[in-house]
């Protein structure tokens, strides 16, 4: 497989992951005191996709910069994992 095919596959998985996380964040039945965290998570994941996954798909569609497009497509899950682990560490630390 070439870089373009891999980038398209990763970009589509990124889009599906973004949609799933955003839907879960906006439709969560959280406590009213913490619902703001869910909304913030949905906004952050959406912004992360707009900054990484969407440009990767656009570059791939235009057949330009295949290495940069693949890097951007792979950046979405990497940054998401880092932010997720950071949130777990912050919210599970004893006060």
PDB file of N, CA and C in Angstrom:
ATOM      1  N   UNK A   1       0.841  -1.179   0.000  1.00  0.00           N
ATOM      2  CA  UNK A   1       0.000   0.000   0.000  1.00  0.00           C
ATOM      3  C   UNK A   1       0.890   1.247   0.000  1.00  0.00           C
ATOM      4  N   UNK A   2       0.408   2.258  -0.664  1.00  0.00           N
ATOM      5  CA  UNK A   2       1.171   3.504  -0.714  1.00  0.00           C
ATOM      6  C   UNK A   2       0.729   4.461   0.397  1.00  0.00           C
ATOM      7  N   UNK A   3       1.446   5.566   0.527  1.00  0.00           N
ATOM      8  CA  UNK A   3       1.160   6.527   1.600  1.00  0.00           C
ATOM      9  C   UNK A   3      -0.236   7.125   1.481  1.00  0.00           C
ATOM     10  N   UNK A   4      -0.682   7.326   0.259  1.00  0.00           N
ATOM     11  CA  UNK A   4      -2.001   7.941   0.068  1.00  0.00           C
ATOM     12  C   UNK A   4      -3.109   7.035   0.604  1.00  0.00           C
ATOM     13  N   UNK A   5      -3.032   5.746   0.306  1.00  0.00           N
ATOM     14  CA  UNK A   5      -4.049   4.798   0.771  1.00  0.00           C
ATOM     15  C   UNK A   5      -4.025   4.693   2.293  1.00  0.00           C
ATOM     16  N   UNK A   6      -2.835   4.635   2.858  1.00  0.00           N
ATOM     17  CA  UNK A   6      -2.717   4.550   4.316  1.00  0.00           C
ATOM     18  C   UNK A   6      -3.261   5.816   4.969  1.00  0.00           C
ATOM     19  N   UNK A   7      -2.960   6.962   4.378  1.00  0.00           N
ATOM     20  CA  UNK A   7      -3.439   8.227   4.935  1.00  0.00           C
ATOM     21  C   UNK A   7      -4.962   8.305   4.885  1.00  0.00           C
ATOM     22  N   UNK A   8      -5.548   7.853   3.800  1.00  0.00           N
ATOM     23  CA  UNK A   8      -7.010   7.857   3.704  1.00  0.00           C
ATOM     24  C   UNK A   8      -7.614   6.953   4.769  1.00  0.00           C
ATOM     25  N   UNK A   9      -7.051   5.763   4.942  1.00  0.00           N
ATOM     26  CA  UNK A   9      -7.567   4.836   5.944  1.00  0.00           C
ATOM     27  C   UNK A   9      -7.445   5.410   7.351  1.00  0.00           C
ATOM     28  N   UNK A  10      -6.286   5.945   7.675  1.00  0.00           N
ATOM     29  CA  UNK A  10      -6.077   6.525   9.005  1.00  0.00           C
ATOM     30  C   UNK A  10      -6.967   7.756   9.196  1.00  0.00           C
ATOM     31  N   UNK A  11      -7.110   8.571   8.160  1.00  0.00           N
ATOM     32  CA  UNK A  11      -7.967   9.757   8.247  1.00  0.00           C
ATOM     33  C   UNK A  11      -9.423   9.403   8.481  1.00  0.00           C
ATOM     34  N   UNK A  12      -9.892   8.347   7.844  1.00  0.00           N
ATOM     35  CA  UNK A  12     -11.277   7.925   8.063  1.00  0.00           C
ATOM     36  C   UNK A  12     -11.477   7.357   9.466  1.00  0.00           C
ATOM     37  N   UNK A  13     -10.487   6.637   9.964  1.00  0.00           N
ATOM     38  CA  UNK A  13     -10.559   6.151  11.346  1.00  0.00           C
ATOM     39  C   UNK A  13     -10.522   7.335  12.314  1.00  0.00           C
ATOM     40  N   UNK A  14      -9.705   8.341  12.014  1.00  0.00           N
ATOM     41  CA  UNK A  14      -9.673   9.563  12.828  1.00  0.00           C
ATOM     42  C   UNK A  14     -11.045  10.228  12.865  1.00  0.00           C
ATOM     43  N   UNK A  15     -11.667  10.348  11.700  1.00  0.00           N
ATOM     44  CA  UNK A  15     -12.984  10.994  11.622  1.00  0.00           C
ATOM     45  C   UNK A  15     -14.021  10.208  12.416  1.00  0.00           C
ATOM     46  N   UNK A  16     -13.994   8.893  12.294  1.00  0.00           N
ATOM     47  CA  UNK A  16     -14.937   8.066  13.043  1.00  0.00           C
ATOM     48  C   UNK A  16     -14.692   8.181  14.545  1.00  0.00           C
ATOM     49  N   UNK A  17     -13.428   8.181  14.945  1.00  0.00           N
ATOM     50  CA  UNK A  17     -13.103   8.337  16.364  1.00  0.00           C
ATOM     51  C   UNK A  17     -13.526   9.685  16.904  1.00  0.00           C
ATOM     52  N   UNK A  18     -13.308  10.714  16.124  1.00  0.00           N
ATOM     53  CA  UNK A  18     -13.715  12.062  16.531  1.00  0.00           C
ATOM     54  C   UNK A  18     -15.230  12.140  16.691  1.00  0.00           C
ATOM     55  N   UNK A  19     -15.939  11.597  15.725  1.00  0.00           N
ATOM     56  CA  UNK A  19     -17.406  11.616  15.796  1.00  0.00           C
ATOM     57  C   UNK A  19     -17.907  10.817  16.997  1.00  0.00           C
ATOM     58  N   UNK A  20     -17.291   9.686  17.257  1.00  0.00           N
ATOM     59  CA  UNK A  20     -17.709   8.863  18.398  1.00  0.00           C
ATOM     60  C   UNK A  20     -17.459   9.540  19.732  1.00  0.00           C
ATOM     61  N   UNK A  21     -16.288  10.114  19.890  1.00  0.00           N
ATOM     62  CA  UNK A  21     -15.968  10.788  21.148  1.00  0.00           C
ATOM     63  C   UNK A  21     -16.844  12.023  21.328  1.00  0.00           C
ATOM     64  N   UNK A  22     -17.040  12.783  20.262  1.00  0.00           N
ATOM     65  CA  UNK A  22     -17.870  13.986  20.370  1.00  0.00           C
ATOM     66  C   UNK A  22     -19.316  13.616  20.697  1.00  0.00           C
ATOM     67  N   UNK A  23     -19.843  12.581  20.054  1.00  0.00           N
ATOM     68  CA  UNK A  23     -21.216  12.156  20.348  1.00  0.00           C
ATOM     69  C   UNK A  23     -21.338  11.682  21.788  1.00  0.00           C
ATOM     70  N   UNK A  24     -20.360  10.928  22.258  1.00  0.00           N
ATOM     71  CA  UNK A  24     -20.392  10.459  23.640  1.00  0.00           C
ATOM     72  C   UNK A  24     -20.270  11.620  24.623  1.00  0.00           C
ATOM     73  N   UNK A  25     -19.456  12.608  24.282  1.00  0.00           N
ATOM     74  CA  UNK A  25     -19.276  13.748  25.182  1.00  0.00           C
ATOM     75  C   UNK A  25     -20.525  14.606  25.256  1.00  0.00           C
ATOM     76  N   UNK A  26     -21.171  14.837  24.128  1.00  0.00           N
ATOM     77  CA  UNK A  26     -22.342  15.714  24.118  1.00  0.00           C
ATOM     78  C   UNK A  26     -23.609  15.013  24.595  1.00  0.00           C
ATOM     79  N   UNK A  27     -23.665  13.700  24.517  1.00  0.00           N
ATOM     80  CA  UNK A  27     -24.860  12.974  24.926  1.00  0.00           C
ATOM     81  C   UNK A  27     -24.678  12.220  26.228  1.00  0.00           C
ATOM     82  N   UNK A  28     -23.667  12.575  26.990  1.00  0.00           N
ATOM     83  CA  UNK A  28     -23.428  11.861  28.240  1.00  0.00           C
ATOM     84  C   UNK A  28     -24.459  12.281  29.274  1.00  0.00           C
ATOM     85  N   UNK A  29     -24.756  11.369  30.122  1.00  0.00           N
ATOM     86  CA  UNK A  29     -25.714  11.659  31.184  1.00  0.00           C
ATOM     87  C   UNK A  29     -24.996  12.012  32.474  1.00  0.00           C
ATOM     88  N   UNK A  30     -23.977  12.838  32.371  1.00  0.00           N
ATOM     89  CA  UNK A  30     -23.171  13.191  33.535  1.00  0.00           C
ATOM     90  C   UNK A  30     -23.950  14.035  34.525  1.00  0.00           C
ATOM     91  N   UNK A  31     -23.375  14.109  35.678  1.00  0.00           N
ATOM     92  CA  UNK A  31     -23.879  14.972  36.723  1.00  0.00           C
ATOM     93  C   UNK A  31     -23.829  16.422  36.235  1.00  0.00           C
ATOM     94  N   UNK A  32     -24.820  17.227  36.523  1.00  0.00           N
ATOM     95  CA  UNK A  32     -24.806  18.618  36.065  1.00  0.00           C
ATOM     96  C   UNK A  32     -23.575  19.404  36.508  1.00  0.00           C
ATOM     97  N   UNK A  33     -22.955  19.002  37.601  1.00  0.00           N
ATOM     98  CA  UNK A  33     -21.779  19.719  38.077  1.00  0.00           C
ATOM     99  C   UNK A  33     -20.560  19.462  37.196  1.00  0.00           C
ATOM    100  N   UNK A  34     -20.532  18.316  36.508  1.00  0.00           N
ATOM    101  CA  UNK A  34     -19.358  17.976  35.694  1.00  0.00           C
ATOM    102  C   UNK A  34     -19.659  17.894  34.204  1.00  0.00           C
ATOM    103  N   UNK A  35     -20.841  18.262  33.783  1.00  0.00           N
ATOM    104  CA  UNK A  35     -21.193  18.173  32.363  1.00  0.00           C
ATOM    105  C   UNK A  35     -20.322  19.105  31.527  1.00  0.00           C
ATOM    106  N   UNK A  36     -19.827  20.163  32.126  1.00  0.00           N
ATOM    107  CA  UNK A  36     -18.955  21.090  31.411  1.00  0.00           C
ATOM    108  C   UNK A  36     -17.665  20.430  30.953  1.00  0.00           C
ATOM    109  N   UNK A  37     -17.153  19.497  31.750  1.00  0.00           N
ATOM    110  CA  UNK A  37     -15.951  18.763  31.342  1.00  0.00           C
ATOM    111  C   UNK A  37     -16.225  17.925  30.094  1.00  0.00           C
ATOM    112  N   UNK A  38     -17.415  17.338  30.025  1.00  0.00           N
ATOM    113  CA  UNK A  38     -17.771  16.537  28.847  1.00  0.00           C
ATOM    114  C   UNK A  38     -17.872  17.422  27.616  1.00  0.00           C
ATOM    115  N   UNK A  39     -18.513  18.555  27.757  1.00  0.00           N
ATOM    116  CA  UNK A  39     -18.621  19.478  26.624  1.00  0.00           C
ATOM    117  C   UNK A  39     -17.248  19.973  26.181  1.00  0.00           C
ATOM    118  N   UNK A  40     -16.398  20.274  27.158  1.00  0.00           N
ATOM    119  CA  UNK A  40     -15.043  20.723  26.831  1.00  0.00           C
ATOM    120  C   UNK A  40     -14.272  19.631  26.096  1.00  0.00           C
ATOM    121  N   UNK A  41     -14.446  18.396  26.524  1.00  0.00           N
ATOM    122  CA  UNK A  41     -13.776  17.284  25.841  1.00  0.00           C
ATOM    123  C   UNK A  41     -14.255  17.167  24.403  1.00  0.00           C
ATOM    124  N   UNK A  42     -15.550  17.333  24.176  1.00  0.00           N
ATOM    125  CA  UNK A  42     -16.079  17.286  22.815  1.00  0.00           C
ATOM    126  C   UNK A  42     -15.511  18.394  21.948  1.00  0.00           C
ATOM    127  N   UNK A  43     -15.388  19.573  22.497  1.00  0.00           N
ATOM    128  CA  UNK A  43     -14.835  20.700  21.745  1.00  0.00           C
ATOM    129  C   UNK A  43     -13.350  20.489  21.462  1.00  0.00           C
ATOM    130  N   UNK A  44     -12.624  20.002  22.451  1.00  0.00           N
ATOM    131  CA  UNK A  44     -11.187  19.777  22.274  1.00  0.00           C
ATOM    132  C   UNK A  44     -10.928  18.709  21.222  1.00  0.00           C
ATOM    133  N   UNK A  45     -11.675  17.622  21.254  1.00  0.00           N
ATOM    134  CA  UNK A  45     -11.484  16.556  20.261  1.00  0.00           C
ATOM    135  C   UNK A  45     -11.858  17.058  18.868  1.00  0.00           C
ATOM    136  N   UNK A  46     -12.928  17.826  18.766  1.00  0.00           N
ATOM    137  CA  UNK A  46     -13.312  18.391  17.471  1.00  0.00           C
ATOM    138  C   UNK A  46     -12.255  19.339  16.932  1.00  0.00           C
ATOM    139  N   UNK A  47     -11.726  20.185  17.796  1.00  0.00           N
ATOM    140  CA  UNK A  47     -10.669  21.112  17.369  1.00  0.00           C
ATOM    141  C   UNK A  47      -9.401  20.367  16.986  1.00  0.00           C
ATOM    142  N   UNK A  48      -9.086  19.328  17.719  1.00  0.00           N
ATOM    143  CA  UNK A  48      -7.911  18.518  17.397  1.00  0.00           C
ATOM    144  C   UNK A  48      -8.053  17.872  16.028  1.00  0.00           C
ATOM    145  N   UNK A  49      -9.258  17.395  15.718  1.00  0.00           N
ATOM    146  CA  UNK A  49      -9.478  16.804  14.397  1.00  0.00           C
ATOM    147  C   UNK A  49      -9.377  17.864  13.303  1.00  0.00           C
ATOM    148  N   UNK A  50      -9.921  19.039  13.547  1.00  0.00           N
ATOM    149  CA  UNK A  50      -9.867  20.114  12.544  1.00  0.00           C
ATOM    150  C   UNK A  50      -8.423  20.547  12.297  1.00  0.00           C
ATOM    151  N   UNK A  51      -7.580  20.478  13.318  1.00  0.00           N
ATOM    152  CA  UNK A  51      -6.185  20.889  13.168  1.00  0.00           C
ATOM    153  C   UNK A  51      -5.275  19.801  12.600  1.00  0.00           C
ATOM    154  N   UNK A  52      -5.656  18.529  12.727  1.00  0.00           N
ATOM    155  CA  UNK A  52      -4.770  17.451  12.269  1.00  0.00           C
ATOM    156  C   UNK A  52      -5.414  16.558  11.215  1.00  0.00           C
ATOM    157  N   UNK A  53      -6.529  15.952  11.530  1.00  0.00           N
ATOM    158  CA  UNK A  53      -7.134  14.964  10.625  1.00  0.00           C
ATOM    159  C   UNK A  53      -7.709  15.558   9.363  1.00  0.00           C
ATOM    160  N   UNK A  54      -8.393  16.659   9.484  1.00  0.00           N
ATOM    161  CA  UNK A  54      -9.008  17.282   8.309  1.00  0.00           C
ATOM    162  C   UNK A  54      -7.967  17.786   7.306  1.00  0.00           C
ATOM    163  N   UNK A  55      -6.914  18.490   7.739  1.00  0.00           N
ATOM    164  CA  UNK A  55      -5.888  18.874   6.765  1.00  0.00           C
ATOM    165  C   UNK A  55      -5.219  17.669   6.108  1.00  0.00           C
ATOM    166  N   UNK A  56      -5.077  16.580   6.853  1.00  0.00           N
ATOM    167  CA  UNK A  56      -4.491  15.370   6.264  1.00  0.00           C
ATOM    168  C   UNK A  56      -5.370  14.842   5.138  1.00  0.00           C
ATOM    169  N   UNK A  57      -6.667  14.812   5.376  1.00  0.00           N
ATOM    170  CA  UNK A  57      -7.583  14.338   4.328  1.00  0.00           C
ATOM    171  C   UNK A  57      -7.612  15.284   3.135  1.00  0.00           C
ATOM    172  N   UNK A  58      -7.542  16.578   3.401  1.00  0.00           N
ATOM    173  CA  UNK A  58      -7.544  17.555   2.302  1.00  0.00           C
ATOM    174  C   UNK A  58      -6.267  17.437   1.479  1.00  0.00           C
ATOM    175  N   UNK A  59      -5.120  17.323   2.142  1.00  0.00           N
ATOM    176  CA  UNK A  59      -3.865  17.153   1.414  1.00  0.00           C
ATOM    177  C   UNK A  59      -3.868  15.868   0.592  1.00  0.00           C
ATOM    178  N   UNK A  60      -4.433  14.824   1.138  1.00  0.00           N
ATOM    179  CA  UNK A  60      -4.510  13.558   0.404  1.00  0.00           C
ATOM    180  C   UNK A  60      -5.424  13.688  -0.799  1.00  0.00           C
ATOM    181  N   UNK A  61      -6.552  14.360  -0.626  1.00  0.00           N
ATOM    182  CA  UNK A  61      -7.480  14.566  -1.737  1.00  0.00           C
ATOM    183  C   UNK A  61      -6.818  15.360  -2.868  1.00  0.00           C
ATOM    184  N   UNK A  62      -6.017  16.351  -2.493  1.00  0.00           N
ATOM    185  CA  UNK A  62      -5.343  17.183  -3.485  1.00  0.00           C
ATOM    186  C   UNK A  62      -4.073  16.529  -4.038  1.00  0.00           C
ATOM    187  N   UNK A  63      -3.723  15.369  -3.507  1.00  0.00           N
ATOM    188  CA  UNK A  63      -2.522  14.625  -3.916  1.00  0.00           C
ATOM    189  C   UNK A  63      -1.256  15.458  -3.737  1.00  0.00           C
ATOM    190  N   UNK A  64      -1.170  16.114  -2.598  1.00  0.00           N
ATOM    191  CA  UNK A  64      -0.010  16.952  -2.292  1.00  0.00           C
ATOM    192  C   UNK A  64       0.555  16.533  -0.950  1.00  0.00           C
ATOM    193  N   UNK A  65       1.842  16.622  -0.807  1.00  0.00           N
ATOM    194  CA  UNK A  65       2.579  16.385   0.436  1.00  0.00           C
ATOM    195  C   UNK A  65       2.143  15.100   1.145  1.00  0.00           C
ATOM    196  N   UNK A  66       2.388  13.936   0.543  1.00  0.00           N
ATOM    197  CA  UNK A  66       1.919  12.685   1.165  1.00  0.00           C
ATOM    198  C   UNK A  66       2.550  12.405   2.533  1.00  0.00           C
ATOM    199  N   UNK A  67       3.810  12.766   2.708  1.00  0.00           N
ATOM    200  CA  UNK A  67       4.461  12.519   3.999  1.00  0.00           C
ATOM    201  C   UNK A  67       3.857  13.414   5.080  1.00  0.00           C
ATOM    202  N   UNK A  68       3.621  14.669   4.771  1.00  0.00           N
ATOM    203  CA  UNK A  68       3.014  15.585   5.744  1.00  0.00           C
ATOM    204  C   UNK A  68       1.586  15.167   6.062  1.00  0.00           C
ATOM    205  N   UNK A  69       0.853  14.713   5.045  1.00  0.00           N
ATOM    206  CA  UNK A  69      -0.522  14.270   5.269  1.00  0.00           C
ATOM    207  C   UNK A  69      -0.560  13.060   6.192  1.00  0.00           C
ATOM    208  N   UNK A  70       0.337  12.117   5.971  1.00  0.00           N
ATOM    209  CA  UNK A  70       0.382  10.931   6.836  1.00  0.00           C
ATOM    210  C   UNK A  70       0.788  11.309   8.256  1.00  0.00           C
ATOM    211  N   UNK A  71       1.713  12.227   8.391  1.00  0.00           N
ATOM    212  CA  UNK A  71       2.127  12.691   9.715  1.00  0.00           C
ATOM    213  C   UNK A  71       0.967  13.354  10.449  1.00  0.00           C
ATOM    214  N   UNK A  72       0.218  14.182   9.745  1.00  0.00           N
ATOM    215  CA  UNK A  72      -0.948  14.828  10.361  1.00  0.00           C
ATOM    216  C   UNK A  72      -2.015  13.811  10.740  1.00  0.00           C
ATOM    217  N   UNK A  73      -2.235  12.827   9.886  1.00  0.00           N
ATOM    218  CA  UNK A  73      -3.245  11.809  10.173  1.00  0.00           C
ATOM    219  C   UNK A  73      -2.860  10.990  11.406  1.00  0.00           C
ATOM    220  N   UNK A  74      -1.587  10.716  11.563  1.00  0.00           N
ATOM    221  CA  UNK A  74      -1.131   9.951  12.722  1.00  0.00           C
ATOM    222  C   UNK A  74      -1.016  10.818  13.974  1.00  0.00           C
ATOM    223  N   UNK A  75      -0.951  12.129  13.804  1.00  0.00           N
ATOM    224  CA  UNK A  75      -0.850  13.033  14.949  1.00  0.00           C
ATOM    225  C   UNK A  75      -2.139  13.049  15.759  1.00  0.00           C
ATOM    226  N   UNK A  76      -3.281  12.888  15.109  1.00  0.00           N
ATOM    227  CA  UNK A  76      -4.559  12.933  15.835  1.00  0.00           C
ATOM    228  C   UNK A  76      -4.627  11.867  16.925  1.00  0.00           C
ATOM    229  N   UNK A  77      -4.427  10.583  16.616  1.00  0.00           N
ATOM    230  CA  UNK A  77      -4.517   9.597  17.704  1.00  0.00           C
ATOM    231  C   UNK A  77      -3.392   9.745  18.735  1.00  0.00           C
ATOM    232  N   UNK A  78      -2.218  10.184  18.296  1.00  0.00           N
ATOM    233  CA  UNK A  78      -1.112  10.344  19.242  1.00  0.00           C
ATOM    234  C   UNK A  78      -1.411  11.460  20.243  1.00  0.00           C
ATOM    235  N   UNK A  79      -1.843  12.606  19.757  1.00  0.00           N
ATOM    236  CA  UNK A  79      -2.151  13.730  20.648  1.00  0.00           C
ATOM    237  C   UNK A  79      -3.363  13.412  21.518  1.00  0.00           C
ATOM    238  N   UNK A  80      -4.357  12.727  20.937  1.00  0.00           N
ATOM    239  CA  UNK A  80      -5.533  12.327  21.708  1.00  0.00           C
ATOM    240  C   UNK A  80      -5.128  11.418  22.864  1.00  0.00           C
ATOM    241  N   UNK A  81      -4.260  10.457  22.609  1.00  0.00           N
ATOM    242  CA  UNK A  81      -3.813   9.546  23.659  1.00  0.00           C
ATOM    243  C   UNK A  81      -3.060  10.296  24.749  1.00  0.00           C
ATOM    244  N   UNK A  82      -2.208  11.235  24.352  1.00  0.00           N
ATOM    245  CA  UNK A  82      -1.462  12.020  25.343  1.00  0.00           C
ATOM    246  C   UNK A  82      -2.416  12.850  26.205  1.00  0.00           C
ATOM    247  N   UNK A  83      -3.390  13.504  25.574  1.00  0.00           N
ATOM    248  CA  UNK A  83      -4.348  14.309  26.336  1.00  0.00           C
ATOM    249  C   UNK A  83      -5.219  13.438  27.245  1.00  0.00           C
ATOM    250  N   UNK A  84      -5.613  12.267  26.762  1.00  0.00           N
ATOM    251  CA  UNK A  84      -6.437  11.354  27.552  1.00  0.00           C
ATOM    252  C   UNK A  84      -5.670  10.869  28.776  1.00  0.00           C
ATOM    253  N   UNK A  85      -4.429  10.459  28.581  1.00  0.00           N
ATOM    254  CA  UNK A  85      -3.624  10.004  29.715  1.00  0.00           C
ATOM    255  C   UNK A  85      -3.348  11.141  30.700  1.00  0.00           C
ATOM    256  N   UNK A  86      -3.151  12.344  30.185  1.00  0.00           N
ATOM    257  CA  UNK A  86      -2.951  13.499  31.060  1.00  0.00           C
ATOM    258  C   UNK A  86      -4.194  13.759  31.906  1.00  0.00           C
ATOM    259  N   UNK A  87      -5.367  13.662  31.293  1.00  0.00           N
ATOM    260  CA  UNK A  87      -6.617  13.868  32.033  1.00  0.00           C
ATOM    261  C   UNK A  87      -6.787  12.799  33.103  1.00  0.00           C
ATOM    262  N   UNK A  88      -6.441  11.562  32.787  1.00  0.00           N
ATOM    263  CA  UNK A  88      -6.556  10.497  33.788  1.00  0.00           C
ATOM    264  C   UNK A  88      -5.639  10.774  34.972  1.00  0.00           C
ATOM    265  N   UNK A  89      -4.415  11.181  34.683  1.00  0.00           N
ATOM    266  CA  UNK A  89      -3.466  11.461  35.763  1.00  0.00           C
ATOM    267  C   UNK A  89      -3.943  12.633  36.601  1.00  0.00           C
ATOM    268  N   UNK A  90      -4.419  13.679  35.969  1.00  0.00           N
ATOM    269  CA  UNK A  90      -4.858  14.855  36.719  1.00  0.00           C
ATOM    270  C   UNK A  90      -6.058  14.561  37.601  1.00  0.00           C
ATOM    271  N   UNK A  91      -7.046  13.813  37.065  1.00  0.00           N
ATOM    272  CA  UNK A  91      -8.267  13.588  37.821  1.00  0.00           C
ATOM    273  C   UNK A  91      -8.172  12.441  38.814  1.00  0.00           C
ATOM    274  N   UNK A  92      -7.114  11.665  38.773  1.00  0.00           N
ATOM    275  CA  UNK A  92      -6.974  10.587  39.740  1.00  0.00           C
ATOM    276  C   UNK A  92      -5.920  10.874  40.799  1.00  0.00           C
ATOM    277  N   UNK A  93      -5.284  12.020  40.715  1.00  0.00           N
ATOM    278  CA  UNK A  93      -4.292  12.382  41.729  1.00  0.00           C
ATOM    279  C   UNK A  93      -5.007  12.724  43.035  1.00  0.00           C
ATOM    280  N   UNK A  94      -4.447  12.243  44.119  1.00  0.00           N
ATOM    281  CA  UNK A  94      -5.065  12.601  45.409  1.00  0.00           C
ATOM    282  C   UNK A  94      -4.842  14.079  45.715  1.00  0.00           C
ATOM    283  N   UNK A  95      -5.817  14.672  46.355  1.00  0.00           N
ATOM    284  CA  UNK A  95      -5.704  16.100  46.676  1.00  0.00           C
ATOM    285  C   UNK A  95      -5.145  16.351  48.031  1.00  0.00           C
TER     286      UNK A  95
END
